[in-house]
PDB file of all heavy atoms in Angstrom:
ATOM      1  N   TYR A   1      -4.579   9.779  -3.890  1.00  0.00           N
ATOM      2  CA  TYR A   1      -3.810   8.909  -4.790  1.00  0.00           C
ATOM      3  C   TYR A   1      -2.809   9.743  -5.588  1.00  0.00           C
ATOM      4  O   TYR A   1      -3.082  10.187  -6.702  1.00  0.00           O
ATOM      5  CB  TYR A   1      -4.760   8.158  -5.716  1.00  0.00           C
ATOM      6  CG  TYR A   1      -4.078   7.164  -6.631  1.00  0.00           C
ATOM      7  CD1 TYR A   1      -3.327   6.117  -6.108  1.00  0.00           C
ATOM      8  CD2 TYR A   1      -4.195   7.273  -8.010  1.00  0.00           C
ATOM      9  CE1 TYR A   1      -2.707   5.197  -6.932  1.00  0.00           C
ATOM     10  CE2 TYR A   1      -3.581   6.348  -8.849  1.00  0.00           C
ATOM     11  CZ  TYR A   1      -2.845   5.321  -8.312  1.00  0.00           C
ATOM     12  OH  TYR A   1      -2.218   4.407  -9.142  1.00  0.00           O
ATOM     13  N   LYS A   2      -1.645   9.972  -4.987  1.00  0.00           N
ATOM     14  CA  LYS A   2      -0.585  10.720  -5.664  1.00  0.00           C
ATOM     15  C   LYS A   2       0.744  10.438  -4.962  1.00  0.00           C
ATOM     16  O   LYS A   2       0.794   9.830  -3.888  1.00  0.00           O
ATOM     17  CB  LYS A   2      -0.874  12.225  -5.656  1.00  0.00           C
ATOM     18  CG  LYS A   2      -0.894  12.851  -4.272  1.00  0.00           C
ATOM     19  CD  LYS A   2      -1.125  14.362  -4.361  1.00  0.00           C
ATOM     20  CE  LYS A   2      -1.056  15.010  -2.989  1.00  0.00           C
ATOM     21  NZ  LYS A   2      -1.239  16.478  -3.053  1.00  0.00           N
ATOM     22  N   ASP A   3       1.814  10.865  -5.590  1.00  0.00           N
ATOM     23  CA  ASP A   3       3.156  10.813  -5.003  1.00  0.00           C
ATOM     24  C   ASP A   3       3.488   9.419  -4.463  1.00  0.00           C
ATOM     25  O   ASP A   3       3.356   8.440  -5.161  1.00  0.00           O
ATOM     26  CB  ASP A   3       3.290  11.890  -3.915  1.00  0.00           C
ATOM     27  CG  ASP A   3       3.010  13.290  -4.436  1.00  0.00           C
ATOM     28  OD1 ASP A   3       3.220  13.508  -5.646  1.00  0.00           O
ATOM     29  OD2 ASP A   3       2.566  14.154  -3.665  1.00  0.00           O
ATOM     30  N   LYS A   4       3.908   9.341  -3.185  1.00  0.00           N
ATOM     31  CA  LYS A   4       4.416   8.101  -2.611  1.00  0.00           C
ATOM     32  C   LYS A   4       3.356   7.005  -2.517  1.00  0.00           C
ATOM     33  O   LYS A   4       3.656   5.818  -2.689  1.00  0.00           O
ATOM     34  CB  LYS A   4       5.002   8.359  -1.222  1.00  0.00           C
ATOM     35  CG  LYS A   4       6.425   8.888  -1.234  1.00  0.00           C
ATOM     36  CD  LYS A   4       7.395   7.784  -1.671  1.00  0.00           C
ATOM     37  CE  LYS A   4       8.836   8.249  -1.613  1.00  0.00           C
ATOM     38  NZ  LYS A   4       9.765   7.197  -2.062  1.00  0.00           N
ATOM     39  N   ILE A   5       2.118   7.386  -2.230  1.00  0.00           N
ATOM     40  CA  ILE A   5       1.069   6.366  -2.104  1.00  0.00           C
ATOM     41  C   ILE A   5       0.751   5.758  -3.473  1.00  0.00           C
ATOM     42  O   ILE A   5       0.503   4.559  -3.602  1.00  0.00           O
ATOM     43  CB  ILE A   5      -0.206   6.935  -1.436  1.00  0.00           C
ATOM     44  CG1 ILE A   5      -1.061   5.791  -0.871  1.00  0.00           C
ATOM     45  CG2 ILE A   5      -1.020   7.792  -2.384  1.00  0.00           C
ATOM     46  CD1 ILE A   5      -0.516   5.147   0.348  1.00  0.00           C
ATOM     47  N   ARG A   6       0.804   6.597  -4.508  1.00  0.00           N
ATOM     48  CA  ARG A   6       0.606   6.098  -5.870  1.00  0.00           C
ATOM     49  C   ARG A   6       1.751   5.151  -6.255  1.00  0.00           C
ATOM     50  O   ARG A   6       1.535   4.101  -6.858  1.00  0.00           O
ATOM     51  CB  ARG A   6       0.537   7.276  -6.851  1.00  0.00           C
ATOM     52  CG  ARG A   6       0.224   6.880  -8.291  1.00  0.00           C
ATOM     53  CD  ARG A   6       0.148   8.125  -9.170  1.00  0.00           C
ATOM     54  NE  ARG A   6      -0.249   7.793 -10.516  1.00  0.00           N
ATOM     55  CZ  ARG A   6       0.579   7.350 -11.458  1.00  0.00           C
ATOM     56  NH1 ARG A   6       1.877   7.192 -11.184  1.00  0.00           N
ATOM     57  NH2 ARG A   6       0.136   7.066 -12.669  1.00  0.00           N
ATOM     58  N   GLU A   7       2.954   5.524  -5.861  1.00  0.00           N
ATOM     59  CA  GLU A   7       4.127   4.699  -6.142  1.00  0.00           C
ATOM     60  C   GLU A   7       4.025   3.354  -5.417  1.00  0.00           C
ATOM     61  O   GLU A   7       4.339   2.306  -5.986  1.00  0.00           O
ATOM     62  CB  GLU A   7       5.384   5.451  -5.689  1.00  0.00           C
ATOM     63  CG  GLU A   7       6.690   4.789  -6.088  1.00  0.00           C
ATOM     64  CD  GLU A   7       7.896   5.603  -5.647  1.00  0.00           C
ATOM     65  OE1 GLU A   7       7.724   6.749  -5.189  1.00  0.00           O
ATOM     66  OE2 GLU A   7       9.016   5.072  -5.746  1.00  0.00           O
ATOM     67  N   LEU A   8       3.589   3.399  -4.165  1.00  0.00           N
ATOM     68  CA  LEU A   8       3.421   2.171  -3.391  1.00  0.00           C
ATOM     69  C   LEU A   8       2.449   1.206  -4.066  1.00  0.00           C
ATOM     70  O   LEU A   8       2.754   0.023  -4.256  1.00  0.00           O
ATOM     71  CB  LEU A   8       2.903   2.521  -1.990  1.00  0.00           C
ATOM     72  CG  LEU A   8       2.394   1.362  -1.134  1.00  0.00           C
ATOM     73  CD1 LEU A   8       3.520   0.411  -0.770  1.00  0.00           C
ATOM     74  CD2 LEU A   8       1.687   1.871   0.124  1.00  0.00           C
ATOM     75  N   ILE A   9       1.279   1.708  -4.445  1.00  0.00           N
ATOM     76  CA  ILE A   9       0.260   0.853  -5.069  1.00  0.00           C
ATOM     77  C   ILE A   9       0.735   0.339  -6.419  1.00  0.00           C
ATOM     78  O   ILE A   9       0.514  -0.825  -6.773  1.00  0.00           O
ATOM     79  CB  ILE A   9      -1.078   1.617  -5.194  1.00  0.00           C
ATOM     80  CG1 ILE A   9      -1.642   1.895  -3.788  1.00  0.00           C
ATOM     81  CG2 ILE A   9      -2.091   0.839  -6.023  1.00  0.00           C
ATOM     82  CD1 ILE A   9      -2.848   2.801  -3.760  1.00  0.00           C
ATOM     83  N   HIS A  10       1.419   1.192  -7.170  1.00  0.00           N
ATOM     84  CA  HIS A  10       1.935   0.779  -8.483  1.00  0.00           C
ATOM     85  C   HIS A  10       2.973  -0.328  -8.328  1.00  0.00           C
ATOM     86  O   HIS A  10       2.929  -1.333  -9.042  1.00  0.00           O
ATOM     87  CB  HIS A  10       2.551   1.983  -9.197  1.00  0.00           C
ATOM     88  CG  HIS A  10       3.083   1.653 -10.563  1.00  0.00           C
ATOM     89  ND1 HIS A  10       2.291   1.662 -11.691  1.00  0.00           N
ATOM     90  CD2 HIS A  10       4.319   1.268 -10.972  1.00  0.00           C
ATOM     91  CE1 HIS A  10       3.020   1.312 -12.730  1.00  0.00           C
ATOM     92  NE2 HIS A  10       4.252   1.071 -12.324  1.00  0.00           N
ATOM     93  N   PHE A  11       3.910  -0.162  -7.418  1.00  0.00           N
ATOM     94  CA  PHE A  11       4.931  -1.193  -7.178  1.00  0.00           C
ATOM     95  C   PHE A  11       4.290  -2.513  -6.786  1.00  0.00           C
ATOM     96  O   PHE A  11       4.683  -3.580  -7.240  1.00  0.00           O
ATOM     97  CB  PHE A  11       5.894  -0.753  -6.073  1.00  0.00           C
ATOM     98  CG  PHE A  11       6.985   0.178  -6.535  1.00  0.00           C
ATOM     99  CD1 PHE A  11       7.846   0.756  -5.613  1.00  0.00           C
ATOM    100  CD2 PHE A  11       7.159   0.482  -7.870  1.00  0.00           C
ATOM    101  CE1 PHE A  11       8.861   1.612  -6.016  1.00  0.00           C
ATOM    102  CE2 PHE A  11       8.166   1.334  -8.294  1.00  0.00           C
ATOM    103  CZ  PHE A  11       9.011   1.898  -7.369  1.00  0.00           C
ATOM    104  N   TYR A  12       3.298  -2.410  -5.908  1.00  0.00           N
ATOM    105  CA  TYR A  12       2.641  -3.620  -5.405  1.00  0.00           C
ATOM    106  C   TYR A  12       1.859  -4.353  -6.503  1.00  0.00           C
ATOM    107  O   TYR A  12       2.038  -5.554  -6.715  1.00  0.00           O
ATOM    108  CB  TYR A  12       1.712  -3.245  -4.249  1.00  0.00           C
ATOM    109  CG  TYR A  12       0.912  -4.408  -3.719  1.00  0.00           C
ATOM    110  CD1 TYR A  12       1.548  -5.564  -3.261  1.00  0.00           C
ATOM    111  CD2 TYR A  12      -0.478  -4.369  -3.666  1.00  0.00           C
ATOM    112  CE1 TYR A  12       0.826  -6.636  -2.773  1.00  0.00           C
ATOM    113  CE2 TYR A  12      -1.204  -5.426  -3.174  1.00  0.00           C
ATOM    114  CZ  TYR A  12      -0.556  -6.567  -2.727  1.00  0.00           C
ATOM    115  OH  TYR A  12      -1.275  -7.628  -2.252  1.00  0.00           O
ATOM    116  N   LYS A  13       1.015  -3.627  -7.220  1.00  0.00           N
ATOM    117  CA  LYS A  13       0.130  -4.264  -8.201  1.00  0.00           C
ATOM    118  C   LYS A  13       0.838  -4.672  -9.483  1.00  0.00           C
ATOM    119  O   LYS A  13       0.595  -5.756 -10.018  1.00  0.00           O
ATOM    120  CB  LYS A  13      -1.031  -3.316  -8.558  1.00  0.00           C
ATOM    121  CG  LYS A  13      -2.081  -3.190  -7.499  1.00  0.00           C
ATOM    122  CD  LYS A  13      -3.134  -2.156  -7.866  1.00  0.00           C
ATOM    123  CE  LYS A  13      -4.031  -2.587  -8.980  1.00  0.00           C
ATOM    124  NZ  LYS A  13      -5.157  -1.652  -9.182  1.00  0.00           N
ATOM    125  N   PHE A  14       1.682  -3.790  -9.997  1.00  0.00           N
ATOM    126  CA  PHE A  14       2.199  -3.988 -11.348  1.00  0.00           C
ATOM    127  C   PHE A  14       3.652  -4.452 -11.407  1.00  0.00           C
ATOM    128  O   PHE A  14       4.095  -4.965 -12.430  1.00  0.00           O
ATOM    129  CB  PHE A  14       2.026  -2.698 -12.154  1.00  0.00           C
ATOM    130  CG  PHE A  14       0.597  -2.222 -12.199  1.00  0.00           C
ATOM    131  CD1 PHE A  14       0.220  -1.040 -11.584  1.00  0.00           C
ATOM    132  CD2 PHE A  14      -0.382  -2.978 -12.835  1.00  0.00           C
ATOM    133  CE1 PHE A  14      -1.104  -0.610 -11.597  1.00  0.00           C
ATOM    134  CE2 PHE A  14      -1.705  -2.553 -12.854  1.00  0.00           C
ATOM    135  CZ  PHE A  14      -2.068  -1.376 -12.236  1.00  0.00           C
ATOM    136  N   GLN A  15       4.394  -4.263 -10.316  1.00  0.00           N
ATOM    137  CA  GLN A  15       5.756  -4.790 -10.273  1.00  0.00           C
ATOM    138  C   GLN A  15       5.872  -5.994  -9.336  1.00  0.00           C
ATOM    139  O   GLN A  15       6.965  -6.459  -9.046  1.00  0.00           O
ATOM    140  CB  GLN A  15       6.737  -3.685  -9.880  1.00  0.00           C
ATOM    141  CG  GLN A  15       6.792  -2.565 -10.917  1.00  0.00           C
ATOM    142  CD  GLN A  15       7.950  -1.617 -10.668  1.00  0.00           C
ATOM    143  OE1 GLN A  15       8.946  -1.951 -10.026  1.00  0.00           O
ATOM    144  NE2 GLN A  15       7.824  -0.399 -11.180  1.00  0.00           N
ATOM    145  N   LYS A  16       4.718  -6.444  -8.840  1.00  0.00           N
ATOM    146  CA  LYS A  16       4.618  -7.688  -8.065  1.00  0.00           C
ATOM    147  C   LYS A  16       5.499  -7.690  -6.817  1.00  0.00           C
ATOM    148  O   LYS A  16       6.076  -8.713  -6.463  1.00  0.00           O
ATOM    149  CB  LYS A  16       4.922  -8.891  -8.953  1.00  0.00           C
ATOM    150  CG  LYS A  16       3.995  -9.007 -10.159  1.00  0.00           C
ATOM    151  CD  LYS A  16       4.289 -10.227 -11.004  1.00  0.00           C
ATOM    152  CE  LYS A  16       3.362 -10.287 -12.205  1.00  0.00           C
ATOM    153  NZ  LYS A  16       3.615 -11.459 -13.062  1.00  0.00           N
ATOM    154  N   LYS A  17       5.576  -6.538  -6.160  1.00  0.00           N
ATOM    155  CA  LYS A  17       6.299  -6.469  -4.892  1.00  0.00           C
ATOM    156  C   LYS A  17       5.325  -6.914  -3.791  1.00  0.00           C
ATOM    157  O   LYS A  17       4.792  -6.112  -3.020  1.00  0.00           O
ATOM    158  CB  LYS A  17       6.797  -5.049  -4.618  1.00  0.00           C
ATOM    159  CG  LYS A  17       7.561  -4.408  -5.767  1.00  0.00           C
ATOM    160  CD  LYS A  17       8.909  -5.067  -5.998  1.00  0.00           C
ATOM    161  CE  LYS A  17       9.734  -4.303  -7.041  1.00  0.00           C
ATOM    162  NZ  LYS A  17      11.012  -4.948  -7.345  1.00  0.00           N
ATOM    163  N   VAL A  18       5.095  -8.225  -3.722  1.00  0.00           N
ATOM    164  CA  VAL A  18       4.021  -8.750  -2.882  1.00  0.00           C
ATOM    165  C   VAL A  18       4.247  -8.504  -1.392  1.00  0.00           C
ATOM    166  O   VAL A  18       3.290  -8.470  -0.612  1.00  0.00           O
ATOM    167  CB  VAL A  18       3.794 -10.256  -3.148  1.00  0.00           C
ATOM    168  CG1 VAL A  18       3.273 -10.479  -4.550  1.00  0.00           C
ATOM    169  CG2 VAL A  18       5.067 -11.057  -2.927  1.00  0.00           C
ATOM    170  N   TYR A  19       5.497  -8.322  -0.983  1.00  0.00           N
ATOM    171  CA  TYR A  19       5.778  -8.064   0.423  1.00  0.00           C
ATOM    172  C   TYR A  19       5.170  -6.743   0.885  1.00  0.00           C
ATOM    173  O   TYR A  19       4.978  -6.516   2.087  1.00  0.00           O
ATOM    174  CB  TYR A  19       7.287  -8.072   0.688  1.00  0.00           C
ATOM    175  CG  TYR A  19       8.085  -7.081  -0.126  1.00  0.00           C
ATOM    176  CD1 TYR A  19       8.252  -5.773   0.313  1.00  0.00           C
ATOM    177  CD2 TYR A  19       8.663  -7.445  -1.339  1.00  0.00           C
ATOM    178  CE1 TYR A  19       8.969  -4.855  -0.434  1.00  0.00           C
ATOM    179  CE2 TYR A  19       9.382  -6.534  -2.096  1.00  0.00           C
ATOM    180  CZ  TYR A  19       9.539  -5.242  -1.641  1.00  0.00           C
ATOM    181  OH  TYR A  19      10.251  -4.332  -2.387  1.00  0.00           O
ATOM    182  N   LEU A  20       4.826  -5.856  -0.069  1.00  0.00           N
ATOM    183  CA  LEU A  20       4.224  -4.578   0.280  1.00  0.00           C
ATOM    184  C   LEU A  20       2.770  -4.723   0.744  1.00  0.00           C
ATOM    185  O   LEU A  20       2.167  -3.754   1.204  1.00  0.00           O
ATOM    186  CB  LEU A  20       4.304  -3.605  -0.896  1.00  0.00           C
ATOM    187  CG  LEU A  20       5.718  -3.122  -1.245  1.00  0.00           C
ATOM    188  CD1 LEU A  20       5.711  -2.277  -2.512  1.00  0.00           C
ATOM    189  CD2 LEU A  20       6.344  -2.344  -0.093  1.00  0.00           C
ATOM    190  N   SER A  21       2.225  -5.931   0.620  1.00  0.00           N
ATOM    191  CA  SER A  21       0.870  -6.176   1.134  1.00  0.00           C
ATOM    192  C   SER A  21       0.801  -5.866   2.628  1.00  0.00           C
ATOM    193  O   SER A  21      -0.229  -5.412   3.137  1.00  0.00           O
ATOM    194  CB  SER A  21       0.444  -7.621   0.872  1.00  0.00           C
ATOM    195  OG  SER A  21       1.305  -8.533   1.525  1.00  0.00           O
ATOM    196  N   LYS A  22       1.910  -6.097   3.349  1.00  0.00           N
ATOM    197  CA  LYS A  22       1.959  -5.812   4.788  1.00  0.00           C
ATOM    198  C   LYS A  22       1.880  -4.303   5.051  1.00  0.00           C
ATOM    199  O   LYS A  22       1.223  -3.871   6.002  1.00  0.00           O
ATOM    200  CB  LYS A  22       3.247  -6.371   5.395  1.00  0.00           C
ATOM    201  CG  LYS A  22       3.356  -7.888   5.377  1.00  0.00           C
ATOM    202  CD  LYS A  22       4.679  -8.329   5.966  1.00  0.00           C
ATOM    203  CE  LYS A  22       4.851  -9.842   5.882  1.00  0.00           C
ATOM    204  NZ  LYS A  22       3.925 -10.547   6.796  1.00  0.00           N
ATOM    205  N   VAL A  23       2.532  -3.520   4.210  1.00  0.00           N
ATOM    206  CA  VAL A  23       2.502  -2.060   4.355  1.00  0.00           C
ATOM    207  C   VAL A  23       1.093  -1.536   4.113  1.00  0.00           C
ATOM    208  O   VAL A  23       0.575  -0.709   4.871  1.00  0.00           O
ATOM    209  CB  VAL A  23       3.497  -1.396   3.372  1.00  0.00           C
ATOM    210  CG1 VAL A  23       3.439   0.126   3.482  1.00  0.00           C
ATOM    211  CG2 VAL A  23       4.916  -1.891   3.619  1.00  0.00           C
ATOM    212  N   ILE A  24       0.465  -2.034   3.051  1.00  0.00           N
ATOM    213  CA  ILE A  24      -0.889  -1.592   2.701  1.00  0.00           C
ATOM    214  C   ILE A  24      -1.892  -2.026   3.766  1.00  0.00           C
ATOM    215  O   ILE A  24      -2.797  -1.268   4.135  1.00  0.00           O
ATOM    216  CB  ILE A  24      -1.272  -2.130   1.307  1.00  0.00           C
ATOM    217  CG1 ILE A  24      -0.377  -1.470   0.250  1.00  0.00           C
ATOM    218  CG2 ILE A  24      -2.746  -1.875   0.999  1.00  0.00           C
ATOM    219  CD1 ILE A  24      -0.511  -2.054  -1.143  1.00  0.00           C
ATOM    220  N   ALA A  25      -1.727  -3.242   4.287  1.00  0.00           N
ATOM    221  CA  ALA A  25      -2.613  -3.735   5.343  1.00  0.00           C
ATOM    222  C   ALA A  25      -2.515  -2.857   6.595  1.00  0.00           C
ATOM    223  O   ALA A  25      -3.527  -2.560   7.240  1.00  0.00           O
ATOM    224  CB  ALA A  25      -2.271  -5.183   5.678  1.00  0.00           C
ATOM    225  N   LYS A  26      -1.297  -2.424   6.924  1.00  0.00           N
ATOM    226  CA  LYS A  26      -1.118  -1.564   8.109  1.00  0.00           C
ATOM    227  C   LYS A  26      -1.789  -0.207   7.914  1.00  0.00           C
ATOM    228  O   LYS A  26      -2.388   0.342   8.853  1.00  0.00           O
ATOM    229  CB  LYS A  26       0.379  -1.368   8.383  1.00  0.00           C
ATOM    230  CG  LYS A  26       0.690  -0.523   9.617  1.00  0.00           C
ATOM    231  CD  LYS A  26       0.109  -1.127  10.875  1.00  0.00           C
ATOM    232  CE  LYS A  26       0.641  -0.458  12.150  1.00  0.00           C
ATOM    233  NZ  LYS A  26       0.329   0.959  12.238  1.00  0.00           N
ATOM    234  N   ILE A  27      -1.727   0.341   6.705  1.00  0.00           N
ATOM    235  CA  ILE A  27      -2.413   1.608   6.406  1.00  0.00           C
ATOM    236  C   ILE A  27      -3.911   1.447   6.633  1.00  0.00           C
ATOM    237  O   ILE A  27      -4.555   2.275   7.281  1.00  0.00           O
ATOM    238  CB  ILE A  27      -2.132   2.055   4.955  1.00  0.00           C
ATOM    239  CG1 ILE A  27      -0.667   2.471   4.791  1.00  0.00           C
ATOM    240  CG2 ILE A  27      -3.063   3.205   4.553  1.00  0.00           C
ATOM    241  CD1 ILE A  27      -0.252   2.700   3.349  1.00  0.00           C
ATOM    242  N   LEU A  28      -4.466   0.360   6.100  1.00  0.00           N
ATOM    243  CA  LEU A  28      -5.899   0.118   6.238  1.00  0.00           C
ATOM    244  C   LEU A  28      -6.287  -0.151   7.691  1.00  0.00           C
ATOM    245  O   LEU A  28      -7.338   0.292   8.162  1.00  0.00           O
ATOM    246  CB  LEU A  28      -6.320  -1.048   5.345  1.00  0.00           C
ATOM    247  CG  LEU A  28      -6.382  -0.727   3.849  1.00  0.00           C
ATOM    248  CD1 LEU A  28      -6.450  -1.999   3.025  1.00  0.00           C
ATOM    249  CD2 LEU A  28      -7.576   0.177   3.537  1.00  0.00           C
ATOM    250  N   TYR A  29      -5.437  -0.863   8.398  1.00  0.00           N
ATOM    251  CA  TYR A  29      -5.700  -1.131   9.820  1.00  0.00           C
ATOM    252  C   TYR A  29      -5.815   0.184  10.594  1.00  0.00           C
ATOM    253  O   TYR A  29      -6.774   0.387  11.366  1.00  0.00           O
ATOM    254  CB  TYR A  29      -4.578  -1.993  10.393  1.00  0.00           C
ATOM    255  CG  TYR A  29      -4.644  -2.130  11.902  1.00  0.00           C
ATOM    256  CD1 TYR A  29      -5.534  -3.011  12.498  1.00  0.00           C
ATOM    257  CD2 TYR A  29      -3.809  -1.353  12.715  1.00  0.00           C
ATOM    258  CE1 TYR A  29      -5.604  -3.118  13.886  1.00  0.00           C
ATOM    259  CE2 TYR A  29      -3.881  -1.460  14.096  1.00  0.00           C
ATOM    260  CZ  TYR A  29      -4.769  -2.344  14.678  1.00  0.00           C
ATOM    261  OH  TYR A  29      -4.835  -2.446  16.040  1.00  0.00           O
ATOM    262  N   ASP A  30      -4.853   1.062  10.411  1.00  0.00           N
ATOM    263  CA  ASP A  30      -4.876   2.349  11.115  1.00  0.00           C
ATOM    264  C   ASP A  30      -6.136   3.140  10.777  1.00  0.00           C
ATOM    265  O   ASP A  30      -6.748   3.766  11.653  1.00  0.00           O
ATOM    266  CB  ASP A  30      -3.635   3.173  10.756  1.00  0.00           C
ATOM    267  CG  ASP A  30      -2.355   2.589  11.333  1.00  0.00           C
ATOM    268  OD1 ASP A  30      -2.439   1.764  12.256  1.00  0.00           O
ATOM    269  OD2 ASP A  30      -1.263   2.941  10.832  1.00  0.00           O
ATOM    270  N   LEU A  31      -6.524   3.110   9.511  1.00  0.00           N
ATOM    271  CA  LEU A  31      -7.712   3.839   9.057  1.00  0.00           C
ATOM    272  C   LEU A  31      -8.984   3.258   9.672  1.00  0.00           C
ATOM    273  O   LEU A  31      -9.840   4.000  10.177  1.00  0.00           O
ATOM    274  CB  LEU A  31      -7.788   3.784   7.525  1.00  0.00           C
ATOM    275  CG  LEU A  31      -9.014   4.420   6.866  1.00  0.00           C
ATOM    276  CD1 LEU A  31      -9.057   5.927   7.134  1.00  0.00           C
ATOM    277  CD2 LEU A  31      -9.017   4.149   5.357  1.00  0.00           C
ATOM    278  N   ILE A  32      -9.124   1.948   9.628  1.00  0.00           N
ATOM    279  CA  ILE A  32     -10.336   1.294  10.132  1.00  0.00           C
ATOM    280  C   ILE A  32     -10.482   1.489  11.635  1.00  0.00           C
ATOM    281  O   ILE A  32     -11.569   1.814  12.134  1.00  0.00           O
ATOM    282  CB  ILE A  32     -10.327  -0.210   9.766  1.00  0.00           C
ATOM    283  CG1 ILE A  32     -10.453  -0.383   8.252  1.00  0.00           C
ATOM    284  CG2 ILE A  32     -11.453  -0.951  10.476  1.00  0.00           C
ATOM    285  CD1 ILE A  32     -10.114  -1.779   7.749  1.00  0.00           C
ATOM    286  N   VAL A  33      -9.401   1.308  12.369  1.00  0.00           N
ATOM    287  CA  VAL A  33      -9.456   1.477  13.828  1.00  0.00           C
ATOM    288  C   VAL A  33      -9.745   2.933  14.198  1.00  0.00           C
ATOM    289  O   VAL A  33     -10.436   3.214  15.183  1.00  0.00           O
ATOM    290  CB  VAL A  33      -8.139   0.984  14.474  1.00  0.00           C
ATOM    291  CG1 VAL A  33      -8.079   1.366  15.944  1.00  0.00           C
ATOM    292  CG2 VAL A  33      -8.017  -0.527  14.318  1.00  0.00           C
ATOM    293  N   GLU A  34      -9.241   3.860  13.400  1.00  0.00           N
ATOM    294  CA  GLU A  34      -9.511   5.279  13.642  1.00  0.00           C
ATOM    295  C   GLU A  34     -10.994   5.586  13.474  1.00  0.00           C
ATOM    296  O   GLU A  34     -11.585   6.336  14.274  1.00  0.00           O
ATOM    297  CB  GLU A  34      -8.685   6.133  12.675  1.00  0.00           C
ATOM    298  CG  GLU A  34      -8.957   7.625  12.729  1.00  0.00           C
ATOM    299  CD  GLU A  34      -8.545   8.265  14.049  1.00  0.00           C
ATOM    300  OE1 GLU A  34      -7.512   7.877  14.623  1.00  0.00           O
ATOM    301  OE2 GLU A  34      -9.291   9.159  14.526  1.00  0.00           O
TER     302      GLU A  34
END
């Protein structure tokens, strides 16, 4: 949790950039399938 990933989560949660849910879902998908 630092740098760009911290920025991504902050934008999504606190600046309501809801379209970023797709980006976060893809990260989790790659992790789970791995």
